[in-house]
Amino acid sequence: MAIDWQSFCELVDRHERFVLTSHVRPDADAIGSEIGLAELLESQGKTVRIVNPSPITESLKFLDPGDRVKSIGEDVDVETACDTDVHIVLDTSAWAQLEGVGEVLRRTGAVKVVIDHHQSSDDLGALEFKDTSAEATGRLIVDLAESAGWAISEVAATALFCAIATDTGWFRFASTKGVTLRAVGQLIDLGARPHLLYPQLYERCSQARVRLAGRLLERIELACDGRLAWLTARRDDFARTGAVGADTEDVVNGCFRIVGVECAFIAHEQLDGRVKVSFRSRGDVDVAAVAEQFGGGGHRQASGATLDGPFEQGLIGLIESMTAALPPDQRD
């Protein structure tokens, strides 16, 4: 459902200082949407800060040439983050995804706004600008710029292109529509360079990351006549390869190289004993509904959650829930 951006533009007109936030472990859609919106707001003479629950990863720093993306607790304290007129949350509507920034939102006197495209949602006490049919939050920022008549800079075009490209699997997911390609065509005209951005996003893996992926993919497990697949990343895997947590990103998609796999997940053991889970689906399984059973959420075909552990117990529950989510006539 298309968003009517008039009330958002009126809100921008009435205020001067903005804080932008996204989810923990921000991906390219999160960072790209923040940078894109920051550029738009600054073009209107506004003061903008970006404060996230987690630091930006090395692999995405090219999206932030101005070093604007800061993290709560490391670069900015809660009191400083609260000092703003408007606090905008992008690419999530879930308290669990906000971690330390959640304390800011609970304490701030600022107007709270959500711009998001995910199905799963909590009540953040915010004005919501949501379109769950949109393929990426970055696409919503492009729509905002078009609706408001705000010019998109080359920095914003690059960031927003990457936001849309990554959330559509470089335009191969079913969420890619004609309007998607028209939007990214506009961003290319404004300075985004796909031939330079693809290697930045997908061809800059460390040796440790490649070794970790090989180690995890070697241990793929299958169930339900090969329709369900899963991977496990234990703390020992990182110690042996030198990889870091962010190196598990997208490894789960390797499960779909196996003929017949319809849904998959990766369970990643955290240093504190919790288990971070990424769910994926290429069939009829609604993994957002599965993720919500564990306090997470996301999209029908891509979602996440974090379990308290212990790991083995959590894994059993994940397998049971994913098995139950498969259509009855497709289970073993």
C-alpha atoms as a PDB file:
ATOM      1  CA  MET A   1       0.000   0.000   0.000  1.00  0.00           C
ATOM      2  CA  ALA A   2       1.507   3.308  -1.130  1.00  0.00           C
ATOM      3  CA  ILE A   3       2.383   5.786   1.600  1.00  0.00           C
ATOM      4  CA  ASP A   4       0.983   9.307   1.676  1.00  0.00           C
ATOM      5  CA  TRP A   5       4.106  11.311   2.601  1.00  0.00           C
ATOM      6  CA  GLN A   6       2.402  14.685   3.100  1.00  0.00           C
ATOM      7  CA  SER A   7       2.197  14.446   6.889  1.00  0.00           C
ATOM      8  CA  PHE A   8       5.846  13.376   7.048  1.00  0.00           C
ATOM      9  CA  CYS A   9       6.906  16.391   4.989  1.00  0.00           C
ATOM     10  CA  GLU A  10       4.862  18.647   7.253  1.00  0.00           C
ATOM     11  CA  LEU A  11       6.624  17.110  10.255  1.00  0.00           C
ATOM     12  CA  VAL A  12       9.988  17.865   8.657  1.00  0.00           C
ATOM     13  CA  ASP A  13       8.931  21.463   8.037  1.00  0.00           C
ATOM     14  CA  ARG A  14       8.041  21.926  11.736  1.00  0.00           C
ATOM     15  CA  HIS A  15      11.289  20.565  13.224  1.00  0.00           C
ATOM     16  CA  GLU A  16      15.015  21.152  12.913  1.00  0.00           C
ATOM     17  CA  ARG A  17      16.914  18.323  14.639  1.00  0.00           C
ATOM     18  CA  PHE A  18      16.636  14.664  13.694  1.00  0.00           C
ATOM     19  CA  VAL A  19      18.134  11.393  14.949  1.00  0.00           C
ATOM     20  CA  LEU A  20      17.978   8.372  12.646  1.00  0.00           C
ATOM     21  CA  THR A  21      18.193   4.819  13.955  1.00  0.00           C
ATOM     22  CA  SER A  22      17.958   1.320  12.532  1.00  0.00           C
ATOM     23  CA  HIS A  23      18.216  -2.238  13.845  1.00  0.00           C
ATOM     24  CA  VAL A  24      21.025  -4.117  15.555  1.00  0.00           C
ATOM     25  CA  ARG A  25      23.726  -5.370  13.141  1.00  0.00           C
ATOM     26  CA  PRO A  26      22.510  -2.994  10.415  1.00  0.00           C
ATOM     27  CA  ASP A  27      22.615  -4.329   6.863  1.00  0.00           C
ATOM     28  CA  ALA A  28      22.873  -2.408   3.599  1.00  0.00           C
ATOM     29  CA  ASP A  29      19.159  -1.573   3.546  1.00  0.00           C
ATOM     30  CA  ALA A  30      19.389  -0.146   7.063  1.00  0.00           C
ATOM     31  CA  ILE A  31      22.575   1.864   6.465  1.00  0.00           C
ATOM     32  CA  GLY A  32      21.596   2.863   2.930  1.00  0.00           C
ATOM     33  CA  SER A  33      18.195   4.102   4.067  1.00  0.00           C
ATOM     34  CA  GLU A  34      19.752   6.098   6.905  1.00  0.00           C
ATOM     35  CA  ILE A  35      22.369   7.729   4.676  1.00  0.00           C
ATOM     36  CA  GLY A  36      19.789   8.405   1.970  1.00  0.00           C
ATOM     37  CA  LEU A  37      17.324  10.012   4.396  1.00  0.00           C
ATOM     38  CA  ALA A  38      20.080  11.966   6.147  1.00  0.00           C
ATOM     39  CA  GLU A  39      21.127  13.461   2.808  1.00  0.00           C
ATOM     40  CA  LEU A  40      17.519  14.390   2.006  1.00  0.00           C
ATOM     41  CA  LEU A  41      16.916  16.026   5.383  1.00  0.00           C
ATOM     42  CA  GLU A  42      20.199  17.932   5.259  1.00  0.00           C
ATOM     43  CA  SER A  43      19.269  19.211   1.804  1.00  0.00           C
ATOM     44  CA  GLN A  44      16.294  20.819   3.561  1.00  0.00           C
ATOM     45  CA  GLY A  45      18.580  22.539   6.057  1.00  0.00           C
ATOM     46  CA  LYS A  46      18.000  20.079   8.917  1.00  0.00           C
ATOM     47  CA  THR A  47      20.535  18.823  11.463  1.00  0.00           C
ATOM     48  CA  VAL A  48      20.818  15.037  11.343  1.00  0.00           C
ATOM     49  CA  ARG A  49      22.613  12.416  13.448  1.00  0.00           C
ATOM     50  CA  ILE A  50      22.637   8.646  12.906  1.00  0.00           C
ATOM     51  CA  VAL A  51      22.763   6.529  16.068  1.00  0.00           C
ATOM     52  CA  ASN A  52      22.458   2.740  15.811  1.00  0.00           C
ATOM     53  CA  PRO A  53      22.449  -0.122  18.329  1.00  0.00           C
ATOM     54  CA  SER A  54      25.556  -1.607  16.634  1.00  0.00           C
ATOM     55  CA  PRO A  55      28.589  -0.154  14.850  1.00  0.00           C
ATOM     56  CA  ILE A  56      28.675  -0.187  11.063  1.00  0.00           C
ATOM     57  CA  THR A  57      30.645  -3.139   9.685  1.00  0.00           C
ATOM     58  CA  GLU A  58      33.855  -2.610   7.721  1.00  0.00           C
ATOM     59  CA  SER A  59      32.193  -4.041   4.608  1.00  0.00           C
ATOM     60  CA  LEU A  60      29.556  -1.272   4.563  1.00  0.00           C
ATOM     61  CA  LYS A  61      31.691   1.719   5.471  1.00  0.00           C
ATOM     62  CA  PHE A  62      31.903   2.689   1.806  1.00  0.00           C
ATOM     63  CA  LEU A  63      28.223   3.704   2.096  1.00  0.00           C
ATOM     64  CA  ASP A  64      29.130   6.229   4.804  1.00  0.00           C
ATOM     65  CA  PRO A  65      31.860   8.451   3.321  1.00  0.00           C
ATOM     66  CA  GLY A  66      31.115  11.168   5.876  1.00  0.00           C
ATOM     67  CA  ASP A  67      31.558   8.826   8.881  1.00  0.00           C
ATOM     68  CA  ARG A  68      28.097   9.759  10.134  1.00  0.00           C
ATOM     69  CA  VAL A  69      26.976   6.374  11.467  1.00  0.00           C
ATOM     70  CA  LYS A  70      27.564   6.176  15.220  1.00  0.00           C
ATOM     71  CA  SER A  71      26.609   3.555  17.789  1.00  0.00           C
ATOM     72  CA  ILE A  72      24.970   3.922  21.166  1.00  0.00           C
ATOM     73  CA  GLY A  73      27.298   3.352  24.105  1.00  0.00           C
ATOM     74  CA  GLU A  74      30.464   3.618  22.008  1.00  0.00           C
ATOM     75  CA  ASP A  75      30.108   6.985  20.260  1.00  0.00           C
ATOM     76  CA  VAL A  76      26.939   8.453  21.766  1.00  0.00           C
ATOM     77  CA  ASP A  77      25.370   8.085  25.222  1.00  0.00           C
ATOM     78  CA  VAL A  78      21.641   7.759  25.865  1.00  0.00           C
ATOM     79  CA  GLU A  79      21.197  11.313  27.148  1.00  0.00           C
ATOM     80  CA  THR A  80      22.862  12.820  24.075  1.00  0.00           C
ATOM     81  CA  ALA A  81      20.800  10.649  21.731  1.00  0.00           C
ATOM     82  CA  CYS A  82      17.614  11.800  23.472  1.00  0.00           C
ATOM     83  CA  ASP A  83      18.438  15.437  22.699  1.00  0.00           C
ATOM     84  CA  THR A  84      16.567  15.869  19.419  1.00  0.00           C
ATOM     85  CA  ASP A  85      13.234  17.019  18.010  1.00  0.00           C
ATOM     86  CA  VAL A  86      12.403  13.908  15.967  1.00  0.00           C
ATOM     87  CA  HIS A  87      13.690  10.333  16.281  1.00  0.00           C
ATOM     88  CA  ILE A  88      13.154   8.250  13.124  1.00  0.00           C
ATOM     89  CA  VAL A  89      13.490   4.457  13.194  1.00  0.00           C
ATOM     90  CA  LEU A  90      14.170   2.896   9.799  1.00  0.00           C
ATOM     91  CA  ASP A  91      13.925  -0.704   8.593  1.00  0.00           C
ATOM     92  CA  THR A  92      12.467  -2.150  11.795  1.00  0.00           C
ATOM     93  CA  SER A  93       9.433  -1.816  14.040  1.00  0.00           C
ATOM     94  CA  ALA A  94      10.572  -4.261  16.735  1.00  0.00           C
ATOM     95  CA  TRP A  95      11.807  -3.423  20.248  1.00  0.00           C
ATOM     96  CA  ALA A  96      14.032  -6.513  20.221  1.00  0.00           C
ATOM     97  CA  GLN A  97      15.905  -5.166  17.190  1.00  0.00           C
ATOM     98  CA  LEU A  98      16.743  -1.850  18.868  1.00  0.00           C
ATOM     99  CA  GLU A  99      18.698  -3.077  21.907  1.00  0.00           C
ATOM    100  CA  GLY A 100      20.448  -0.055  23.510  1.00  0.00           C
ATOM    101  CA  VAL A 101      18.596   2.474  21.362  1.00  0.00           C
ATOM    102  CA  GLY A 102      15.370   1.145  22.836  1.00  0.00           C
ATOM    103  CA  GLU A 103      16.279   2.944  26.073  1.00  0.00           C
ATOM    104  CA  VAL A 104      16.586   6.180  24.089  1.00  0.00           C
ATOM    105  CA  LEU A 105      13.135   5.734  22.582  1.00  0.00           C
ATOM    106  CA  ARG A 106      11.603   5.006  25.983  1.00  0.00           C
ATOM    107  CA  ARG A 107      13.141   8.132  27.528  1.00  0.00           C
ATOM    108  CA  THR A 108      13.101  10.675  24.724  1.00  0.00           C
ATOM    109  CA  GLY A 109      10.609  13.491  24.501  1.00  0.00           C
ATOM    110  CA  ALA A 110      11.115  13.664  20.743  1.00  0.00           C
ATOM    111  CA  VAL A 111       8.452  12.875  18.176  1.00  0.00           C
ATOM    112  CA  LYS A 112       8.953   9.232  17.173  1.00  0.00           C
ATOM    113  CA  VAL A 113       8.567   8.032  13.590  1.00  0.00           C
ATOM    114  CA  VAL A 114       8.893   4.602  11.947  1.00  0.00           C
ATOM    115  CA  ILE A 115       9.677   4.070   8.258  1.00  0.00           C
ATOM    116  CA  ASP A 116       9.649   0.346   7.522  1.00  0.00           C
ATOM    117  CA  HIS A 117       8.649  -2.438   5.136  1.00  0.00           C
ATOM    118  CA  HIS A 118       8.633  -5.449   7.487  1.00  0.00           C
ATOM    119  CA  GLN A 119       5.523  -7.459   8.379  1.00  0.00           C
ATOM    120  CA  SER A 120       6.426  -7.962  12.030  1.00  0.00           C
ATOM    121  CA  SER A 121       5.731  -4.983  14.236  1.00  0.00           C
ATOM    122  CA  ASP A 122       5.639  -3.737  17.818  1.00  0.00           C
ATOM    123  CA  ASP A 123       4.006  -0.574  19.094  1.00  0.00           C
ATOM    124  CA  LEU A 124       6.918   1.848  19.444  1.00  0.00           C
ATOM    125  CA  GLY A 125       4.582   4.740  20.201  1.00  0.00           C
ATOM    126  CA  ALA A 126       5.538   6.238  16.853  1.00  0.00           C
ATOM    127  CA  LEU A 127       3.925   7.696  13.765  1.00  0.00           C
ATOM    128  CA  GLU A 128       4.210   4.902  11.211  1.00  0.00           C
ATOM    129  CA  PHE A 129       4.989   5.131   7.525  1.00  0.00           C
ATOM    130  CA  LYS A 130       4.940   1.479   6.508  1.00  0.00           C
ATOM    131  CA  ASP A 131       4.467  -0.428   3.283  1.00  0.00           C
ATOM    132  CA  THR A 132       4.967  -4.165   3.698  1.00  0.00           C
ATOM    133  CA  SER A 133       4.678  -4.661  -0.059  1.00  0.00           C
ATOM    134  CA  ALA A 134       7.836  -2.615  -0.637  1.00  0.00           C
ATOM    135  CA  GLU A 135      10.951  -4.636  -1.394  1.00  0.00           C
ATOM    136  CA  ALA A 136      13.231  -2.464   0.753  1.00  0.00           C
ATOM    137  CA  THR A 137      13.087   0.487   3.107  1.00  0.00           C
ATOM    138  CA  GLY A 138      15.469   2.168   0.671  1.00  0.00           C
ATOM    139  CA  ARG A 139      12.702   2.095  -1.937  1.00  0.00           C
ATOM    140  CA  LEU A 140      10.443   3.966   0.506  1.00  0.00           C
ATOM    141  CA  ILE A 141      13.080   6.699   0.847  1.00  0.00           C
ATOM    142  CA  VAL A 142      13.208   7.001  -2.953  1.00  0.00           C
ATOM    143  CA  ASP A 143       9.416   7.320  -2.964  1.00  0.00           C
ATOM    144  CA  LEU A 144       9.610   9.991  -0.247  1.00  0.00           C
ATOM    145  CA  ALA A 145      12.101  12.023  -2.261  1.00  0.00           C
ATOM    146  CA  GLU A 146       9.914  11.807  -5.362  1.00  0.00           C
ATOM    147  CA  SER A 147       6.762  12.733  -3.444  1.00  0.00           C
ATOM    148  CA  ALA A 148       8.415  15.666  -1.660  1.00  0.00           C
ATOM    149  CA  GLY A 149      10.300  16.908  -4.699  1.00  0.00           C
ATOM    150  CA  TRP A 150      13.631  16.611  -2.881  1.00  0.00           C
ATOM    151  CA  ALA A 151      16.754  16.102  -4.964  1.00  0.00           C
ATOM    152  CA  ILE A 152      18.727  12.888  -4.428  1.00  0.00           C
ATOM    153  CA  SER A 153      22.479  13.466  -4.201  1.00  0.00           C
ATOM    154  CA  GLU A 154      25.052  11.061  -5.644  1.00  0.00           C
ATOM    155  CA  VAL A 155      25.903   9.864  -2.115  1.00  0.00           C
ATOM    156  CA  ALA A 156      22.222   9.186  -1.425  1.00  0.00           C
ATOM    157  CA  ALA A 157      21.730   7.510  -4.819  1.00  0.00           C
ATOM    158  CA  THR A 158      24.608   5.129  -4.125  1.00  0.00           C
ATOM    159  CA  ALA A 159      23.368   4.288  -0.628  1.00  0.00           C
ATOM    160  CA  LEU A 160      19.771   3.781  -1.738  1.00  0.00           C
ATOM    161  CA  PHE A 161      20.778   1.661  -4.729  1.00  0.00           C
ATOM    162  CA  CYS A 162      22.677  -0.673  -2.393  1.00  0.00           C
ATOM    163  CA  ALA A 163      19.721  -0.757   0.012  1.00  0.00           C
ATOM    164  CA  ILE A 164      17.383  -1.951  -2.727  1.00  0.00           C
ATOM    165  CA  ALA A 165      19.898  -4.208  -4.490  1.00  0.00           C
ATOM    166  CA  THR A 166      20.784  -6.190  -1.374  1.00  0.00           C
ATOM    167  CA  ASP A 167      17.221  -6.617  -0.099  1.00  0.00           C
ATOM    168  CA  THR A 168      16.193  -7.987  -3.514  1.00  0.00           C
ATOM    169  CA  GLY A 169      19.196 -10.317  -3.798  1.00  0.00           C
ATOM    170  CA  TRP A 170      20.590  -8.161  -6.599  1.00  0.00           C
ATOM    171  CA  PHE A 171      17.089  -8.061  -8.153  1.00  0.00           C
ATOM    172  CA  ARG A 172      16.571 -11.838  -8.316  1.00  0.00           C
ATOM    173  CA  PHE A 173      13.985 -12.212  -5.510  1.00  0.00           C
ATOM    174  CA  ALA A 174      10.243 -12.326  -6.197  1.00  0.00           C
ATOM    175  CA  SER A 175       9.900  -8.916  -4.517  1.00  0.00           C
ATOM    176  CA  THR A 176      11.569  -7.319  -7.559  1.00  0.00           C
ATOM    177  CA  LYS A 177       8.934  -5.568  -9.648  1.00  0.00           C
ATOM    178  CA  GLY A 178       8.865  -3.146 -12.522  1.00  0.00           C
ATOM    179  CA  VAL A 179       8.722  -0.226 -10.111  1.00  0.00           C
ATOM    180  CA  THR A 180      11.882  -1.596  -8.463  1.00  0.00           C
ATOM    181  CA  LEU A 181      13.864  -1.413 -11.670  1.00  0.00           C
ATOM    182  CA  ARG A 182      12.454   1.989 -12.536  1.00  0.00           C
ATOM    183  CA  ALA A 183      13.557   3.279  -9.137  1.00  0.00           C
ATOM    184  CA  VAL A 184      17.083   1.872  -9.423  1.00  0.00           C
ATOM    185  CA  GLY A 185      17.294   3.175 -12.992  1.00  0.00           C
ATOM    186  CA  GLN A 186      16.681   6.640 -11.590  1.00  0.00           C
ATOM    187  CA  LEU A 187      19.399   6.094  -8.969  1.00  0.00           C
ATOM    188  CA  ILE A 188      21.862   5.005 -11.655  1.00  0.00           C
ATOM    189  CA  ASP A 189      21.101   8.190 -13.578  1.00  0.00           C
ATOM    190  CA  LEU A 190      21.863  10.117 -10.373  1.00  0.00           C
ATOM    191  CA  GLY A 191      25.290   8.556  -9.868  1.00  0.00           C
ATOM    192  CA  ALA A 192      24.983   4.986  -8.542  1.00  0.00           C
ATOM    193  CA  ARG A 193      27.481   2.708 -10.319  1.00  0.00           C
ATOM    194  CA  PRO A 194      26.382  -0.950 -10.228  1.00  0.00           C
ATOM    195  CA  HIS A 195      29.627  -2.257 -11.775  1.00  0.00           C
ATOM    196  CA  LEU A 196      31.566  -0.722  -8.881  1.00  0.00           C
ATOM    197  CA  LEU A 197      29.026  -1.451  -6.147  1.00  0.00           C
ATOM    198  CA  TYR A 198      28.580  -5.176  -6.805  1.00  0.00           C
ATOM    199  CA  PRO A 199      32.204  -6.027  -5.969  1.00  0.00           C
ATOM    200  CA  GLN A 200      32.043  -3.718  -2.936  1.00  0.00           C
ATOM    201  CA  LEU A 201      29.032  -5.651  -1.636  1.00  0.00           C
ATOM    202  CA  TYR A 202      29.786  -9.211  -2.701  1.00  0.00           C
ATOM    203  CA  GLU A 203      33.446  -9.605  -3.608  1.00  0.00           C
ATOM    204  CA  ARG A 204      35.340  -8.255  -0.607  1.00  0.00           C
ATOM    205  CA  CYS A 205      35.253 -11.282   1.664  1.00  0.00           C
ATOM    206  CA  SER A 206      38.152 -11.923   3.991  1.00  0.00           C
ATOM    207  CA  GLN A 207      39.905 -15.256   3.863  1.00  0.00           C
ATOM    208  CA  ALA A 208      38.446 -15.959   7.310  1.00  0.00           C
ATOM    209  CA  ARG A 209      34.914 -15.404   6.024  1.00  0.00           C
ATOM    210  CA  VAL A 210      35.417 -17.754   3.070  1.00  0.00           C
ATOM    211  CA  ARG A 211      36.888 -20.412   5.363  1.00  0.00           C
ATOM    212  CA  LEU A 212      33.964 -20.036   7.766  1.00  0.00           C
ATOM    213  CA  ALA A 213      31.429 -20.395   4.942  1.00  0.00           C
ATOM    214  CA  GLY A 214      33.142 -23.558   3.723  1.00  0.00           C
ATOM    215  CA  ARG A 215      33.194 -24.998   7.217  1.00  0.00           C
ATOM    216  CA  LEU A 216      29.501 -24.305   7.800  1.00  0.00           C
ATOM    217  CA  LEU A 217      28.296 -25.435   4.365  1.00  0.00           C
ATOM    218  CA  GLU A 218      30.138 -28.723   4.814  1.00  0.00           C
ATOM    219  CA  ARG A 219      27.836 -29.401   7.769  1.00  0.00           C
ATOM    220  CA  ILE A 220      24.465 -28.717   6.124  1.00  0.00           C
ATOM    221  CA  GLU A 221      21.722 -30.829   7.675  1.00  0.00           C
ATOM    222  CA  LEU A 222      18.522 -31.801   5.853  1.00  0.00           C
ATOM    223  CA  ALA A 223      15.099 -32.985   6.999  1.00  0.00           C
ATOM    224  CA  CYS A 224      11.551 -33.299   5.675  1.00  0.00           C
ATOM    225  CA  ASP A 225      12.604 -35.138   2.521  1.00  0.00           C
ATOM    226  CA  GLY A 226      15.216 -32.482   1.833  1.00  0.00           C
ATOM    227  CA  ARG A 227      12.780 -29.563   1.980  1.00  0.00           C
ATOM    228  CA  LEU A 228      14.275 -28.129   5.182  1.00  0.00           C
ATOM    229  CA  ALA A 229      17.986 -27.343   5.592  1.00  0.00           C
ATOM    230  CA  TRP A 230      19.959 -25.759   8.405  1.00  0.00           C
ATOM    231  CA  LEU A 231      23.453 -24.677   9.372  1.00  0.00           C
ATOM    232  CA  THR A 232      25.030 -24.200  12.785  1.00  0.00           C
ATOM    233  CA  ALA A 233      27.787 -21.730  13.604  1.00  0.00           C
ATOM    234  CA  ARG A 234      29.395 -22.464  16.971  1.00  0.00           C
ATOM    235  CA  ARG A 235      31.899 -20.329  18.865  1.00  0.00           C
ATOM    236  CA  ASP A 236      34.630 -22.806  18.007  1.00  0.00           C
ATOM    237  CA  ASP A 237      34.061 -22.163  14.281  1.00  0.00           C
ATOM    238  CA  PHE A 238      35.036 -18.522  14.726  1.00  0.00           C
ATOM    239  CA  ALA A 239      38.055 -19.394  16.860  1.00  0.00           C
ATOM    240  CA  ARG A 240      39.336 -21.847  14.255  1.00  0.00           C
ATOM    241  CA  THR A 241      38.817 -19.616  11.217  1.00  0.00           C
ATOM    242  CA  GLY A 242      39.412 -16.150  12.676  1.00  0.00           C
ATOM    243  CA  ALA A 243      36.009 -15.046  11.389  1.00  0.00           C
ATOM    244  CA  VAL A 244      33.635 -12.676  13.181  1.00  0.00           C
ATOM    245  CA  GLY A 245      29.887 -12.792  13.681  1.00  0.00           C
ATOM    246  CA  ALA A 246      29.094 -10.616  10.671  1.00  0.00           C
ATOM    247  CA  ASP A 247      30.825 -13.205   8.463  1.00  0.00           C
ATOM    248  CA  THR A 248      27.779 -15.486   8.730  1.00  0.00           C
ATOM    249  CA  GLU A 249      25.700 -13.036   6.681  1.00  0.00           C
ATOM    250  CA  ASP A 250      24.092 -14.687   3.640  1.00  0.00           C
ATOM    251  CA  VAL A 251      25.778 -18.066   4.254  1.00  0.00           C
ATOM    252  CA  VAL A 252      22.316 -19.551   4.851  1.00  0.00           C
ATOM    253  CA  ASN A 253      21.404 -18.808   1.228  1.00  0.00           C
ATOM    254  CA  GLY A 254      23.898 -21.483   0.197  1.00  0.00           C
ATOM    255  CA  CYS A 255      21.346 -24.065   1.371  1.00  0.00           C
ATOM    256  CA  PHE A 256      19.187 -23.252  -1.641  1.00  0.00           C
ATOM    257  CA  ARG A 257      21.809 -24.537  -4.020  1.00  0.00           C
ATOM    258  CA  ILE A 258      20.556 -27.980  -3.036  1.00  0.00           C
ATOM    259  CA  VAL A 259      17.672 -29.140  -5.222  1.00  0.00           C
ATOM    260  CA  GLY A 260      14.424 -29.419  -3.285  1.00  0.00           C
ATOM    261  CA  VAL A 261      15.241 -27.127  -0.346  1.00  0.00           C
ATOM    262  CA  GLU A 262      12.282 -24.842   0.348  1.00  0.00           C
ATOM    263  CA  CYS A 263      13.250 -23.288   3.665  1.00  0.00           C
ATOM    264  CA  ALA A 264      16.408 -22.980   5.725  1.00  0.00           C
ATOM    265  CA  PHE A 265      17.926 -21.375   8.786  1.00  0.00           C
ATOM    266  CA  ILE A 266      21.307 -20.725  10.343  1.00  0.00           C
ATOM    267  CA  ALA A 267      21.747 -20.826  14.114  1.00  0.00           C
ATOM    268  CA  HIS A 268      24.697 -18.723  15.249  1.00  0.00           C
ATOM    269  CA  GLU A 269      25.989 -19.163  18.815  1.00  0.00           C
ATOM    270  CA  GLN A 270      26.822 -15.790  20.394  1.00  0.00           C
ATOM    271  CA  LEU A 271      29.593 -15.138  22.903  1.00  0.00           C
ATOM    272  CA  ASP A 272      26.996 -14.564  25.629  1.00  0.00           C
ATOM    273  CA  GLY A 273      25.360 -17.947  24.972  1.00  0.00           C
ATOM    274  CA  ARG A 274      22.374 -16.619  23.082  1.00  0.00           C
ATOM    275  CA  VAL A 275      21.552 -17.956  19.614  1.00  0.00           C
ATOM    276  CA  LYS A 276      21.004 -15.624  16.668  1.00  0.00           C
ATOM    277  CA  VAL A 277      18.875 -17.205  13.953  1.00  0.00           C
ATOM    278  CA  SER A 278      18.321 -16.183  10.337  1.00  0.00           C
ATOM    279  CA  PHE A 279      15.394 -17.840   8.547  1.00  0.00           C
ATOM    280  CA  ARG A 280      14.911 -18.055   4.779  1.00  0.00           C
ATOM    281  CA  SER A 281      12.172 -19.434   2.525  1.00  0.00           C
ATOM    282  CA  ARG A 282      11.867 -20.012  -1.191  1.00  0.00           C
ATOM    283  CA  GLY A 283       8.482 -21.718  -1.037  1.00  0.00           C
ATOM    284  CA  ASP A 284       5.217 -21.415   0.867  1.00  0.00           C
ATOM    285  CA  VAL A 285       6.716 -21.361   4.354  1.00  0.00           C
ATOM    286  CA  ASP A 286       6.104 -18.056   6.180  1.00  0.00           C
ATOM    287  CA  VAL A 287       9.333 -17.712   8.148  1.00  0.00           C
ATOM    288  CA  ALA A 288       8.173 -14.410   9.666  1.00  0.00           C
ATOM    289  CA  ALA A 289       5.533 -16.411  11.534  1.00  0.00           C
ATOM    290  CA  VAL A 290       8.202 -18.877  12.680  1.00  0.00           C
ATOM    291  CA  ALA A 291      10.496 -16.060  13.816  1.00  0.00           C
ATOM    292  CA  GLU A 292       7.674 -14.484  15.797  1.00  0.00           C
ATOM    293  CA  GLN A 293       7.401 -17.688  17.846  1.00  0.00           C
ATOM    294  CA  PHE A 294      10.910 -16.894  19.117  1.00  0.00           C
ATOM    295  CA  GLY A 295      10.371 -13.168  19.682  1.00  0.00           C
ATOM    296  CA  GLY A 296      11.690 -12.114  16.281  1.00  0.00           C
ATOM    297  CA  GLY A 297      10.133 -11.266  12.950  1.00  0.00           C
ATOM    298  CA  GLY A 298      10.730  -9.839   9.507  1.00  0.00           C
ATOM    299  CA  HIS A 299       9.447 -10.835   6.084  1.00  0.00           C
ATOM    300  CA  ARG A 300       7.566 -13.874   4.879  1.00  0.00           C
ATOM    301  CA  GLN A 301      10.707 -15.164   3.140  1.00  0.00           C
ATOM    302  CA  ALA A 302      13.476 -13.650   5.271  1.00  0.00           C
ATOM    303  CA  SER A 303      13.313 -13.184   9.031  1.00  0.00           C
ATOM    304  CA  GLY A 304      15.396 -13.372  12.180  1.00  0.00           C
ATOM    305  CA  ALA A 305      15.221 -13.974  15.908  1.00  0.00           C
ATOM    306  CA  THR A 306      17.474 -14.340  18.935  1.00  0.00           C
ATOM    307  CA  LEU A 307      17.033 -17.200  21.435  1.00  0.00           C
ATOM    308  CA  ASP A 308      18.320 -17.301  24.986  1.00  0.00           C
ATOM    309  CA  GLY A 309      19.839 -20.801  24.627  1.00  0.00           C
ATOM    310  CA  PRO A 310      21.217 -23.257  25.502  1.00  0.00           C
ATOM    311  CA  PHE A 311      22.225 -23.942  21.913  1.00  0.00           C
ATOM    312  CA  GLU A 312      21.229 -27.614  21.632  1.00  0.00           C
ATOM    313  CA  GLN A 313      17.815 -27.038  23.174  1.00  0.00           C
ATOM    314  CA  GLY A 314      17.217 -24.037  20.950  1.00  0.00           C
ATOM    315  CA  LEU A 315      18.193 -25.999  17.845  1.00  0.00           C
ATOM    316  CA  ILE A 316      15.632 -28.704  18.621  1.00  0.00           C
ATOM    317  CA  GLY A 317      12.907 -26.082  18.953  1.00  0.00           C
ATOM    318  CA  LEU A 318      13.918 -24.436  15.682  1.00  0.00           C
ATOM    319  CA  ILE A 319      13.803 -27.703  13.753  1.00  0.00           C
ATOM    320  CA  GLU A 320      10.414 -28.547  15.227  1.00  0.00           C
ATOM    321  CA  SER A 321       8.948 -25.131  14.397  1.00  0.00           C
ATOM    322  CA  MET A 322      10.278 -25.096  10.837  1.00  0.00           C
ATOM    323  CA  THR A 323       9.031 -28.653  10.273  1.00  0.00           C
ATOM    324  CA  ALA A 324       5.591 -27.678  11.562  1.00  0.00           C
ATOM    325  CA  ALA A 325       5.539 -24.682   9.202  1.00  0.00           C
ATOM    326  CA  LEU A 326       5.904 -26.854   6.100  1.00  0.00           C
ATOM    327  CA  PRO A 327       2.622 -27.793   4.405  1.00  0.00           C
ATOM    328  CA  PRO A 328       1.400 -31.136   5.846  1.00  0.00           C
ATOM    329  CA  ASP A 329       1.560 -32.989   2.561  1.00  0.00           C
ATOM    330  CA  GLN A 330       5.233 -32.053   2.173  1.00  0.00           C
ATOM    331  CA  ARG A 331       6.526 -33.332   5.524  1.00  0.00           C
ATOM    332  CA  ASP A 332       8.226 -36.656   6.031  1.00  0.00           C
END
